Amino acid sequence: SLRRTTADHRQITEAVADAYVLGHLPQFAAFRQAHAQKVDLPPYPFEHRQYWFSDHREHRDPQLTQAPARRTQAVRLLEDGKIE
């Protein structure tokens, strides 16, 4: 979710970190792709129009989306509130 008091890139990074902690292995290379583009979103949050993201990738590796959760030292420090 977006918060006014937090920068967009930080919120996205936190969301990816949360997904990683829950056992999902993000495709980090996707963050650095040259052909990345923004997705259209509704200008008004209560507008009754649906916006769906279409995944046009040709091949999806099931092992990447179902990777087991790995607890690293950085994750433990984040969970303990010792780093942000």
Protein backbone atom coordinates (compact mmCIF):
# COMPACT_ATOMS: atom_id res chain seq x y z
CA SER A 1 0.00 0.00 0.00
CA LEU A 2 1.19 3.52 -0.67
CA ARG A 3 1.72 5.94 2.18
CA ARG A 4 2.17 9.68 1.78
CA THR A 5 5.00 9.82 4.30
CA THR A 6 7.13 7.12 2.65
CA ALA A 7 8.95 7.24 -0.68
CA ASP A 8 7.56 4.99 -3.43
CA HIS A 9 10.81 3.09 -3.96
CA ARG A 10 11.05 2.33 -0.24
CA GLN A 11 7.50 0.99 -0.12
CA ILE A 12 8.13 -1.23 -3.13
CA THR A 13 11.37 -2.49 -1.59
CA GLU A 14 9.59 -3.27 1.69
CA ALA A 15 6.83 -5.14 -0.17
CA VAL A 16 9.41 -7.25 -2.02
CA ALA A 17 11.22 -7.93 1.27
CA ASP A 18 7.95 -9.00 2.91
CA ALA A 19 7.24 -11.40 0.04
CA TYR A 20 10.77 -12.83 0.33
CA VAL A 21 10.38 -13.40 4.07
CA LEU A 22 7.13 -15.27 3.37
CA GLY A 23 8.95 -17.65 1.03
CA HIS A 24 8.61 -16.05 -2.39
CA LEU A 25 11.77 -15.59 -4.42
CA PRO A 26 11.48 -12.29 -6.33
CA GLN A 27 13.03 -12.02 -9.77
CA PHE A 28 15.48 -9.29 -8.82
CA ALA A 29 16.70 -8.94 -12.42
CA ALA A 30 13.23 -7.63 -13.32
CA PHE A 31 13.95 -4.48 -11.30
CA ARG A 32 16.85 -3.60 -13.59
CA GLN A 33 15.31 -4.30 -17.00
CA ALA A 34 15.72 -1.57 -19.58
CA HIS A 35 12.27 -2.14 -21.08
CA ALA A 36 10.39 -1.64 -17.80
CA GLN A 37 7.36 0.60 -17.99
CA LYS A 38 4.79 2.04 -15.65
CA VAL A 39 1.32 0.53 -15.35
CA ASP A 40 -1.79 2.68 -15.72
CA LEU A 41 -3.67 3.05 -12.45
CA PRO A 42 -6.98 4.73 -11.67
CA PRO A 43 -6.63 8.45 -10.92
CA TYR A 44 -9.35 8.23 -8.29
CA PRO A 45 -9.31 5.31 -5.80
CA PHE A 46 -13.08 4.76 -5.80
CA GLU A 47 -13.53 4.83 -9.57
CA HIS A 48 -15.44 1.69 -10.54
CA ARG A 49 -13.03 0.49 -13.16
CA GLN A 50 -10.73 -2.50 -12.91
CA TYR A 51 -7.06 -2.31 -13.78
CA TRP A 52 -5.29 -5.61 -14.36
CA PHE A 53 -1.63 -6.22 -15.05
CA SER A 54 -1.00 -8.57 -17.98
CA ASP A 55 2.04 -10.81 -17.73
CA HIS A 56 3.32 -11.28 -21.28
CA ARG A 57 6.38 -13.35 -20.40
CA GLU A 58 6.70 -16.48 -22.52
CA HIS A 59 8.02 -18.86 -19.87
CA ARG A 60 7.47 -18.95 -16.13
CA ASP A 61 9.68 -21.19 -14.04
CA PRO A 62 7.54 -22.78 -11.28
CA GLN A 63 10.62 -23.23 -9.09
CA LEU A 64 11.12 -19.46 -8.95
CA THR A 65 7.61 -18.81 -7.67
CA GLN A 66 7.56 -21.67 -5.16
CA ALA A 67 10.99 -21.38 -3.59
CA PRO A 68 11.22 -22.33 0.09
CA ALA A 69 11.62 -19.53 2.61
CA ARG A 70 15.21 -18.86 3.58
CA ARG A 71 16.03 -16.97 6.72
CA THR A 72 19.17 -14.93 6.28
CA GLN A 73 20.97 -12.84 8.85
CA ALA A 74 19.55 -9.69 7.22
CA VAL A 75 15.99 -11.03 7.54
CA ARG A 76 16.55 -11.86 11.21
CA LEU A 77 17.86 -8.34 11.86
CA LEU A 78 14.85 -6.82 10.06
CA GLU A 79 12.42 -8.95 12.05
CA ASP A 80 14.12 -8.04 15.31
CA GLY A 81 13.87 -4.34 14.45
CA LYS A 82 17.65 -3.88 14.58
CA ILE A 83 17.84 -2.48 11.05
CA GLU A 84 15.37 -0.73 8.72
